[in-house]
Amino acid sequence: RGGRCRGQKRPTHTRSSRRSRRRAAMVNSDLISRIEYSEKYSDENYEYRHVILPKELAKTLPKSVLMSEQEWRAAGIQMSRGCVRPNEKT
């Protein structure tokens, strides 16, 4: 059945990787071009930037979890490499 040998385990996928693939498939160049980025501003310790997403894109993203860098990059959001989110512990 299904091309698997007896005793062979099914491939496992994490929930977050499935979410990322699903979101990446939904993101298109029109939505990505409509993402708005604020000017950078800073305090003594950090540099900040706000990102404003189109409603259609925002509806596809989780609301109660902090997304990993891989997830938000897959959604088409671009920030400087090595940036640290304010509520992420380093």
PDB file of N, CA and C in Angstrom:
ATOM      1  N   ARG A   1       0.827  -1.195   0.000  1.00  0.00           N
ATOM      2  CA  ARG A   1       0.000   0.000   0.000  1.00  0.00           C
ATOM      3  C   ARG A   1       0.859   1.240   0.000  1.00  0.00           C
ATOM      4  N   GLY A   2       0.539   2.182  -0.833  1.00  0.00           N
ATOM      5  CA  GLY A   2       1.202   3.476  -0.814  1.00  0.00           C
ATOM      6  C   GLY A   2       2.684   3.446  -1.155  1.00  0.00           C
ATOM      7  N   GLY A   3       3.213   2.297  -1.664  1.00  0.00           N
ATOM      8  CA  GLY A   3       4.598   2.248  -2.082  1.00  0.00           C
ATOM      9  C   GLY A   3       5.596   2.107  -0.944  1.00  0.00           C
ATOM     10  N   ARG A   4       5.132   1.786   0.266  1.00  0.00           N
ATOM     11  CA  ARG A   4       6.070   1.630   1.383  1.00  0.00           C
ATOM     12  C   ARG A   4       6.269   0.152   1.673  1.00  0.00           C
ATOM     13  N   CYS A   5       7.456  -0.189   2.096  1.00  0.00           N
ATOM     14  CA  CYS A   5       7.752  -1.553   2.523  1.00  0.00           C
ATOM     15  C   CYS A   5       7.240  -1.742   3.938  1.00  0.00           C
ATOM     16  N   ARG A   6       6.988  -2.987   4.290  1.00  0.00           N
ATOM     17  CA  ARG A   6       6.534  -3.285   5.642  1.00  0.00           C
ATOM     18  C   ARG A   6       7.592  -2.826   6.641  1.00  0.00           C
ATOM     19  N   GLY A   7       7.138  -2.175   7.670  1.00  0.00           N
ATOM     20  CA  GLY A   7       8.038  -1.713   8.715  1.00  0.00           C
ATOM     21  C   GLY A   7       8.677  -0.364   8.427  1.00  0.00           C
ATOM     22  N   GLN A   8       8.486   0.146   7.232  1.00  0.00           N
ATOM     23  CA  GLN A   8       9.054   1.452   6.900  1.00  0.00           C
ATOM     24  C   GLN A   8       8.157   2.541   7.472  1.00  0.00           C
ATOM     25  N   LYS A   9       8.764   3.479   8.140  1.00  0.00           N
ATOM     26  CA  LYS A   9       7.987   4.546   8.769  1.00  0.00           C
ATOM     27  C   LYS A   9       7.597   5.599   7.754  1.00  0.00           C
ATOM     28  N   ARG A  10       6.472   6.252   8.028  1.00  0.00           N
ATOM     29  CA  ARG A  10       6.041   7.376   7.213  1.00  0.00           C
ATOM     30  C   ARG A  10       6.973   8.547   7.456  1.00  0.00           C
ATOM     31  N   PRO A  11       7.200   9.344   6.427  1.00  0.00           N
ATOM     32  CA  PRO A  11       8.020  10.538   6.664  1.00  0.00           C
ATOM     33  C   PRO A  11       7.275  11.483   7.599  1.00  0.00           C
ATOM     34  N   THR A  12       8.024  12.101   8.480  1.00  0.00           N
ATOM     35  CA  THR A  12       7.391  13.035   9.407  1.00  0.00           C
ATOM     36  C   THR A  12       7.723  14.455   9.007  1.00  0.00           C
ATOM     37  N   HIS A  13       6.769  15.327   9.180  1.00  0.00           N
ATOM     38  CA  HIS A  13       6.956  16.742   8.882  1.00  0.00           C
ATOM     39  C   HIS A  13       6.515  17.522  10.103  1.00  0.00           C
ATOM     40  N   THR A  14       7.241  18.550  10.424  1.00  0.00           N
ATOM     41  CA  THR A  14       6.833  19.364  11.562  1.00  0.00           C
ATOM     42  C   THR A  14       5.681  20.250  11.158  1.00  0.00           C
ATOM     43  N   ARG A  15       4.904  20.620  12.125  1.00  0.00           N
ATOM     44  CA  ARG A  15       3.756  21.489  11.872  1.00  0.00           C
ATOM     45  C   ARG A  15       4.212  22.826  11.297  1.00  0.00           C
ATOM     46  N   SER A  16       5.329  23.370  11.830  1.00  0.00           N
ATOM     47  CA  SER A  16       5.785  24.674  11.354  1.00  0.00           C
ATOM     48  C   SER A  16       6.274  24.610   9.908  1.00  0.00           C
ATOM     49  N   SER A  17       6.907  23.498   9.495  1.00  0.00           N
ATOM     50  CA  SER A  17       7.364  23.427   8.108  1.00  0.00           C
ATOM     51  C   SER A  17       6.183  23.311   7.152  1.00  0.00           C
ATOM     52  N   ARG A  18       5.121  22.623   7.561  1.00  0.00           N
ATOM     53  CA  ARG A  18       3.912  22.556   6.729  1.00  0.00           C
ATOM     54  C   ARG A  18       3.270  23.928   6.625  1.00  0.00           C
ATOM     55  N   ARG A  19       3.225  24.646   7.765  1.00  0.00           N
ATOM     56  CA  ARG A  19       2.664  26.004   7.752  1.00  0.00           C
ATOM     57  C   ARG A  19       3.468  26.895   6.831  1.00  0.00           C
ATOM     58  N   SER A  20       4.800  26.795   6.906  1.00  0.00           N
ATOM     59  CA  SER A  20       5.657  27.635   6.081  1.00  0.00           C
ATOM     60  C   SER A  20       5.433  27.359   4.607  1.00  0.00           C
ATOM     61  N   ARG A  21       5.352  26.082   4.233  1.00  0.00           N
ATOM     62  CA  ARG A  21       5.130  25.744   2.825  1.00  0.00           C
ATOM     63  C   ARG A  21       3.779  26.239   2.346  1.00  0.00           C
ATOM     64  N   ARG A  22       2.756  26.100   3.192  1.00  0.00           N
ATOM     65  CA  ARG A  22       1.415  26.546   2.827  1.00  0.00           C
ATOM     66  C   ARG A  22       1.396  28.055   2.633  1.00  0.00           C
ATOM     67  N   ARG A  23       2.020  28.792   3.572  1.00  0.00           N
ATOM     68  CA  ARG A  23       2.060  30.244   3.462  1.00  0.00           C
ATOM     69  C   ARG A  23       2.874  30.679   2.260  1.00  0.00           C
ATOM     70  N   ALA A  24       4.001  30.023   2.020  1.00  0.00           N
ATOM     71  CA  ALA A  24       4.842  30.398   0.892  1.00  0.00           C
ATOM     72  C   ALA A  24       4.093  30.216  -0.422  1.00  0.00           C
ATOM     73  N   ALA A  25       3.288  29.178  -0.510  1.00  0.00           N
ATOM     74  CA  ALA A  25       2.512  28.943  -1.724  1.00  0.00           C
ATOM     75  C   ALA A  25       1.465  30.037  -1.924  1.00  0.00           C
ATOM     76  N   MET A  26       0.972  30.607  -0.830  1.00  0.00           N
ATOM     77  CA  MET A  26      -0.068  31.624  -0.917  1.00  0.00           C
ATOM     78  C   MET A  26       0.488  33.003  -1.249  1.00  0.00           C
ATOM     79  N   VAL A  27       1.743  33.216  -0.951  1.00  0.00           N
ATOM     80  CA  VAL A  27       2.342  34.537  -1.143  1.00  0.00           C
ATOM     81  C   VAL A  27       2.662  34.710  -2.625  1.00  0.00           C
ATOM     82  N   ASN A  28       2.257  35.825  -3.181  1.00  0.00           N
ATOM     83  CA  ASN A  28       2.611  36.104  -4.565  1.00  0.00           C
ATOM     84  C   ASN A  28       3.295  37.458  -4.651  1.00  0.00           C
ATOM     85  N   SER A  29       3.829  37.739  -5.812  1.00  0.00           N
ATOM     86  CA  SER A  29       4.623  38.961  -5.956  1.00  0.00           C
ATOM     87  C   SER A  29       3.793  40.225  -5.738  1.00  0.00           C
ATOM     88  N   ASP A  30       2.496  40.193  -6.055  1.00  0.00           N
ATOM     89  CA  ASP A  30       1.652  41.365  -5.816  1.00  0.00           C
ATOM     90  C   ASP A  30       1.571  41.671  -4.329  1.00  0.00           C
ATOM     91  N   LEU A  31       1.347  40.658  -3.495  1.00  0.00           N
ATOM     92  CA  LEU A  31       1.279  40.872  -2.048  1.00  0.00           C
ATOM     93  C   LEU A  31       2.624  41.342  -1.504  1.00  0.00           C
ATOM     94  N   ILE A  32       3.683  40.716  -1.977  1.00  0.00           N
ATOM     95  CA  ILE A  32       5.021  41.086  -1.493  1.00  0.00           C
ATOM     96  C   ILE A  32       5.332  42.538  -1.839  1.00  0.00           C
ATOM     97  N   SER A  33       4.951  42.976  -3.027  1.00  0.00           N
ATOM     98  CA  SER A  33       5.244  44.358  -3.420  1.00  0.00           C
ATOM     99  C   SER A  33       4.430  45.368  -2.612  1.00  0.00           C
ATOM    100  N   ARG A  34       3.356  44.919  -1.954  1.00  0.00           N
ATOM    101  CA  ARG A  34       2.525  45.819  -1.161  1.00  0.00           C
ATOM    102  C   ARG A  34       2.926  45.865   0.315  1.00  0.00           C
ATOM    103  N   ILE A  35       3.950  45.117   0.713  1.00  0.00           N
ATOM    104  CA  ILE A  35       4.452  45.188   2.087  1.00  0.00           C
ATOM    105  C   ILE A  35       5.151  46.534   2.263  1.00  0.00           C
ATOM    106  N   GLU A  36       4.822  47.225   3.345  1.00  0.00           N
ATOM    107  CA  GLU A  36       5.430  48.534   3.606  1.00  0.00           C
ATOM    108  C   GLU A  36       6.368  48.434   4.806  1.00  0.00           C
ATOM    109  N   TYR A  37       7.494  49.119   4.712  1.00  0.00           N
ATOM    110  CA  TYR A  37       8.501  49.120   5.769  1.00  0.00           C
ATOM    111  C   TYR A  37       8.694  50.550   6.258  1.00  0.00           C
ATOM    112  N   SER A  38       8.724  50.734   7.579  1.00  0.00           N
ATOM    113  CA  SER A  38       8.976  52.065   8.126  1.00  0.00           C
ATOM    114  C   SER A  38      10.461  52.400   7.984  1.00  0.00           C
ATOM    115  N   GLU A  39      10.777  53.652   8.189  1.00  0.00           N
ATOM    116  CA  GLU A  39      12.185  54.038   8.279  1.00  0.00           C
ATOM    117  C   GLU A  39      12.753  53.398   9.539  1.00  0.00           C
ATOM    118  N   LYS A  40      14.042  53.151   9.537  1.00  0.00           N
ATOM    119  CA  LYS A  40      14.687  52.592  10.730  1.00  0.00           C
ATOM    120  C   LYS A  40      14.786  53.684  11.785  1.00  0.00           C
ATOM    121  N   TYR A  41      14.612  53.280  13.032  1.00  0.00           N
ATOM    122  CA  TYR A  41      14.843  54.204  14.147  1.00  0.00           C
ATOM    123  C   TYR A  41      15.496  53.400  15.254  1.00  0.00           C
ATOM    124  N   SER A  42      16.129  54.079  16.203  1.00  0.00           N
ATOM    125  CA  SER A  42      16.895  53.329  17.197  1.00  0.00           C
ATOM    126  C   SER A  42      16.883  54.014  18.551  1.00  0.00           C
ATOM    127  N   ASP A  43      17.272  53.229  19.545  1.00  0.00           N
ATOM    128  CA  ASP A  43      17.532  53.760  20.876  1.00  0.00           C
ATOM    129  C   ASP A  43      18.995  53.451  21.182  1.00  0.00           C
ATOM    130  N   GLU A  44      19.391  53.485  22.438  1.00  0.00           N
ATOM    131  CA  GLU A  44      20.792  53.236  22.784  1.00  0.00           C
ATOM    132  C   GLU A  44      21.235  51.814  22.457  1.00  0.00           C
ATOM    133  N   ASN A  45      20.279  50.874  22.407  1.00  0.00           N
ATOM    134  CA  ASN A  45      20.634  49.470  22.265  1.00  0.00           C
ATOM    135  C   ASN A  45      20.258  48.825  20.935  1.00  0.00           C
ATOM    136  N   TYR A  46      19.136  49.208  20.370  1.00  0.00           N
ATOM    137  CA  TYR A  46      18.600  48.484  19.215  1.00  0.00           C
ATOM    138  C   TYR A  46      18.199  49.411  18.082  1.00  0.00           C
ATOM    139  N   GLU A  47      18.088  48.820  16.911  1.00  0.00           N
ATOM    140  CA  GLU A  47      17.552  49.500  15.747  1.00  0.00           C
ATOM    141  C   GLU A  47      16.216  48.833  15.437  1.00  0.00           C
ATOM    142  N   TYR A  48      15.190  49.615  15.101  1.00  0.00           N
ATOM    143  CA  TYR A  48      13.848  49.097  14.898  1.00  0.00           C
ATOM    144  C   TYR A  48      13.318  49.455  13.519  1.00  0.00           C
ATOM    145  N   ARG A  49      12.309  48.706  13.084  1.00  0.00           N
ATOM    146  CA  ARG A  49      11.588  48.995  11.851  1.00  0.00           C
ATOM    147  C   ARG A  49      10.229  48.304  11.953  1.00  0.00           C
ATOM    148  N   HIS A  50       9.182  49.027  11.621  1.00  0.00           N
ATOM    149  CA  HIS A  50       7.846  48.422  11.591  1.00  0.00           C
ATOM    150  C   HIS A  50       7.555  47.905  10.192  1.00  0.00           C
ATOM    151  N   VAL A  51       6.797  46.820  10.128  1.00  0.00           N
ATOM    152  CA  VAL A  51       6.397  46.238   8.857  1.00  0.00           C
ATOM    153  C   VAL A  51       4.878  46.235   8.811  1.00  0.00           C
ATOM    154  N   ILE A  52       4.313  46.782   7.741  1.00  0.00           N
ATOM    155  CA  ILE A  52       2.861  46.810   7.576  1.00  0.00           C
ATOM    156  C   ILE A  52       2.516  45.877   6.417  1.00  0.00           C
ATOM    157  N   LEU A  53       1.715  44.856   6.733  1.00  0.00           N
ATOM    158  CA  LEU A  53       1.374  43.841   5.743  1.00  0.00           C
ATOM    159  C   LEU A  53       0.010  44.101   5.119  1.00  0.00           C
ATOM    160  N   PRO A  54      -0.182  43.707   3.853  1.00  0.00           N
ATOM    161  CA  PRO A  54      -1.514  43.762   3.268  1.00  0.00           C
ATOM    162  C   PRO A  54      -2.443  42.821   4.046  1.00  0.00           C
ATOM    163  N   LYS A  55      -3.707  43.175   4.173  1.00  0.00           N
ATOM    164  CA  LYS A  55      -4.644  42.356   4.949  1.00  0.00           C
ATOM    165  C   LYS A  55      -4.689  40.917   4.472  1.00  0.00           C
ATOM    166  N   GLU A  56      -4.650  40.720   3.154  1.00  0.00           N
ATOM    167  CA  GLU A  56      -4.722  39.360   2.616  1.00  0.00           C
ATOM    168  C   GLU A  56      -3.558  38.507   3.094  1.00  0.00           C
ATOM    169  N   LEU A  57      -2.389  39.100   3.209  1.00  0.00           N
ATOM    170  CA  LEU A  57      -1.218  38.376   3.695  1.00  0.00           C
ATOM    171  C   LEU A  57      -1.302  38.190   5.210  1.00  0.00           C
ATOM    172  N   ALA A  58      -1.682  39.228   5.931  1.00  0.00           N
ATOM    173  CA  ALA A  58      -1.758  39.160   7.395  1.00  0.00           C
ATOM    174  C   ALA A  58      -2.723  38.069   7.848  1.00  0.00           C
ATOM    175  N   LYS A  59      -3.798  37.848   7.115  1.00  0.00           N
ATOM    176  CA  LYS A  59      -4.789  36.830   7.491  1.00  0.00           C
ATOM    177  C   LYS A  59      -4.223  35.423   7.418  1.00  0.00           C
ATOM    178  N   THR A  60      -3.170  35.206   6.642  1.00  0.00           N
ATOM    179  CA  THR A  60      -2.596  33.865   6.496  1.00  0.00           C
ATOM    180  C   THR A  60      -1.542  33.551   7.552  1.00  0.00           C
ATOM    181  N   LEU A  61      -1.172  34.546   8.358  1.00  0.00           N
ATOM    182  CA  LEU A  61      -0.082  34.369   9.322  1.00  0.00           C
ATOM    183  C   LEU A  61      -0.621  34.122  10.720  1.00  0.00           C
ATOM    184  N   PRO A  62       0.137  33.390  11.543  1.00  0.00           N
ATOM    185  CA  PRO A  62      -0.311  33.125  12.915  1.00  0.00           C
ATOM    186  C   PRO A  62      -0.370  34.413  13.739  1.00  0.00           C
ATOM    187  N   LYS A  63      -1.332  34.474  14.622  1.00  0.00           N
ATOM    188  CA  LYS A  63      -1.505  35.691  15.427  1.00  0.00           C
ATOM    189  C   LYS A  63      -0.991  35.515  16.854  1.00  0.00           C
ATOM    190  N   SER A  64      -0.953  34.293  17.344  1.00  0.00           N
ATOM    191  CA  SER A  64      -0.623  34.079  18.755  1.00  0.00           C
ATOM    192  C   SER A  64       0.766  33.497  18.982  1.00  0.00           C
ATOM    193  N   VAL A  65       1.563  33.390  17.924  1.00  0.00           N
ATOM    194  CA  VAL A  65       2.911  32.841  18.065  1.00  0.00           C
ATOM    195  C   VAL A  65       3.918  33.757  17.383  1.00  0.00           C
ATOM    196  N   LEU A  66       5.102  33.795  17.916  1.00  0.00           N
ATOM    197  CA  LEU A  66       6.193  34.534  17.304  1.00  0.00           C
ATOM    198  C   LEU A  66       6.737  33.681  16.162  1.00  0.00           C
ATOM    199  N   MET A  67       6.727  34.200  14.967  1.00  0.00           N
ATOM    200  CA  MET A  67       7.190  33.434  13.810  1.00  0.00           C
ATOM    201  C   MET A  67       8.712  33.350  13.802  1.00  0.00           C
ATOM    202  N   SER A  68       9.217  32.218  13.316  1.00  0.00           N
ATOM    203  CA  SER A  68      10.665  32.079  13.164  1.00  0.00           C
ATOM    204  C   SER A  68      11.112  32.910  11.962  1.00  0.00           C
ATOM    205  N   GLU A  69      12.397  33.163  11.877  1.00  0.00           N
ATOM    206  CA  GLU A  69      12.917  33.927  10.733  1.00  0.00           C
ATOM    207  C   GLU A  69      12.595  33.210   9.433  1.00  0.00           C
ATOM    208  N   GLN A  70      12.719  31.899   9.423  1.00  0.00           N
ATOM    209  CA  GLN A  70      12.421  31.124   8.213  1.00  0.00           C
ATOM    210  C   GLN A  70      10.964  31.322   7.794  1.00  0.00           C
ATOM    211  N   GLU A  71      10.050  31.353   8.758  1.00  0.00           N
ATOM    212  CA  GLU A  71       8.629  31.521   8.441  1.00  0.00           C
ATOM    213  C   GLU A  71       8.330  32.912   7.893  1.00  0.00           C
ATOM    214  N   TRP A  72       8.844  33.977   8.539  1.00  0.00           N
ATOM    215  CA  TRP A  72       8.504  35.298   8.027  1.00  0.00           C
ATOM    216  C   TRP A  72       9.216  35.608   6.726  1.00  0.00           C
ATOM    217  N   ARG A  73      10.394  35.034   6.515  1.00  0.00           N
ATOM    218  CA  ARG A  73      11.045  35.214   5.212  1.00  0.00           C
ATOM    219  C   ARG A  73      10.263  34.483   4.123  1.00  0.00           C
ATOM    220  N   ALA A  74       9.736  33.302   4.433  1.00  0.00           N
ATOM    221  CA  ALA A  74       8.916  32.545   3.470  1.00  0.00           C
ATOM    222  C   ALA A  74       7.646  33.310   3.121  1.00  0.00           C
ATOM    223  N   ALA A  75       7.167  34.149   4.034  1.00  0.00           N
ATOM    224  CA  ALA A  75       5.971  34.955   3.789  1.00  0.00           C
ATOM    225  C   ALA A  75       6.288  36.187   2.949  1.00  0.00           C
ATOM    226  N   GLY A  76       7.565  36.409   2.620  1.00  0.00           N
ATOM    227  CA  GLY A  76       7.939  37.527   1.770  1.00  0.00           C
ATOM    228  C   GLY A  76       8.414  38.755   2.518  1.00  0.00           C
ATOM    229  N   ILE A  77       8.517  38.669   3.843  1.00  0.00           N
ATOM    230  CA  ILE A  77       8.976  39.806   4.639  1.00  0.00           C
ATOM    231  C   ILE A  77      10.498  39.816   4.616  1.00  0.00           C
ATOM    232  N   GLN A  78      11.071  40.983   4.345  1.00  0.00           N
ATOM    233  CA  GLN A  78      12.523  41.102   4.260  1.00  0.00           C
ATOM    234  C   GLN A  78      13.020  42.093   5.294  1.00  0.00           C
ATOM    235  N   MET A  79      14.001  41.690   6.047  1.00  0.00           N
ATOM    236  CA  MET A  79      14.659  42.566   7.007  1.00  0.00           C
ATOM    237  C   MET A  79      16.157  42.357   6.832  1.00  0.00           C
ATOM    238  N   SER A  80      16.939  43.120   7.518  1.00  0.00           N
ATOM    239  CA  SER A  80      18.391  42.960   7.445  1.00  0.00           C
ATOM    240  C   SER A  80      18.784  41.607   8.008  1.00  0.00           C
ATOM    241  N   ARG A  81      19.765  40.981   7.398  1.00  0.00           N
ATOM    242  CA  ARG A  81      20.285  39.716   7.927  1.00  0.00           C
ATOM    243  C   ARG A  81      20.824  39.945   9.333  1.00  0.00           C
ATOM    244  N   GLY A  82      20.576  38.994  10.213  1.00  0.00           N
ATOM    245  CA  GLY A  82      21.091  39.087  11.566  1.00  0.00           C
ATOM    246  C   GLY A  82      20.269  39.971  12.478  1.00  0.00           C
ATOM    247  N   CYS A  83      19.098  40.414  12.024  1.00  0.00           N
ATOM    248  CA  CYS A  83      18.291  41.251  12.899  1.00  0.00           C
ATOM    249  C   CYS A  83      17.715  40.405  14.033  1.00  0.00           C
ATOM    250  N   VAL A  84      17.494  41.013  15.151  1.00  0.00           N
ATOM    251  CA  VAL A  84      16.933  40.325  16.318  1.00  0.00           C
ATOM    252  C   VAL A  84      15.624  41.005  16.676  1.00  0.00           C
ATOM    253  N   ARG A  85      14.575  40.210  16.802  1.00  0.00           N
ATOM    254  CA  ARG A  85      13.289  40.780  17.179  1.00  0.00           C
ATOM    255  C   ARG A  85      13.317  41.173  18.645  1.00  0.00           C
ATOM    256  N   PRO A  86      12.690  42.276  19.021  1.00  0.00           N
ATOM    257  CA  PRO A  86      12.779  42.797  20.396  1.00  0.00           C
ATOM    258  C   PRO A  86      12.390  41.793  21.474  1.00  0.00           C
ATOM    259  N   ASN A  87      11.416  40.943  21.235  1.00  0.00           N
ATOM    260  CA  ASN A  87      11.004  40.013  22.284  1.00  0.00           C
ATOM    261  C   ASN A  87      11.624  38.631  22.106  1.00  0.00           C
ATOM    262  N   GLU A  88      12.660  38.530  21.309  1.00  0.00           N
ATOM    263  CA  GLU A  88      13.384  37.274  21.115  1.00  0.00           C
ATOM    264  C   GLU A  88      14.633  37.303  21.965  1.00  0.00           C
ATOM    265  N   LYS A  89      14.839  36.262  22.745  1.00  0.00           N
ATOM    266  CA  LYS A  89      16.030  36.219  23.608  1.00  0.00           C
ATOM    267  C   LYS A  89      17.211  35.741  22.807  1.00  0.00           C
ATOM    268  N   THR A  90      18.357  36.389  23.012  1.00  0.00           N
ATOM    269  CA  THR A  90      19.579  36.004  22.289  1.00  0.00           C
ATOM    270  C   THR A  90      20.496  35.199  23.169  1.00  0.00           C
TER     271      THR A  90
END
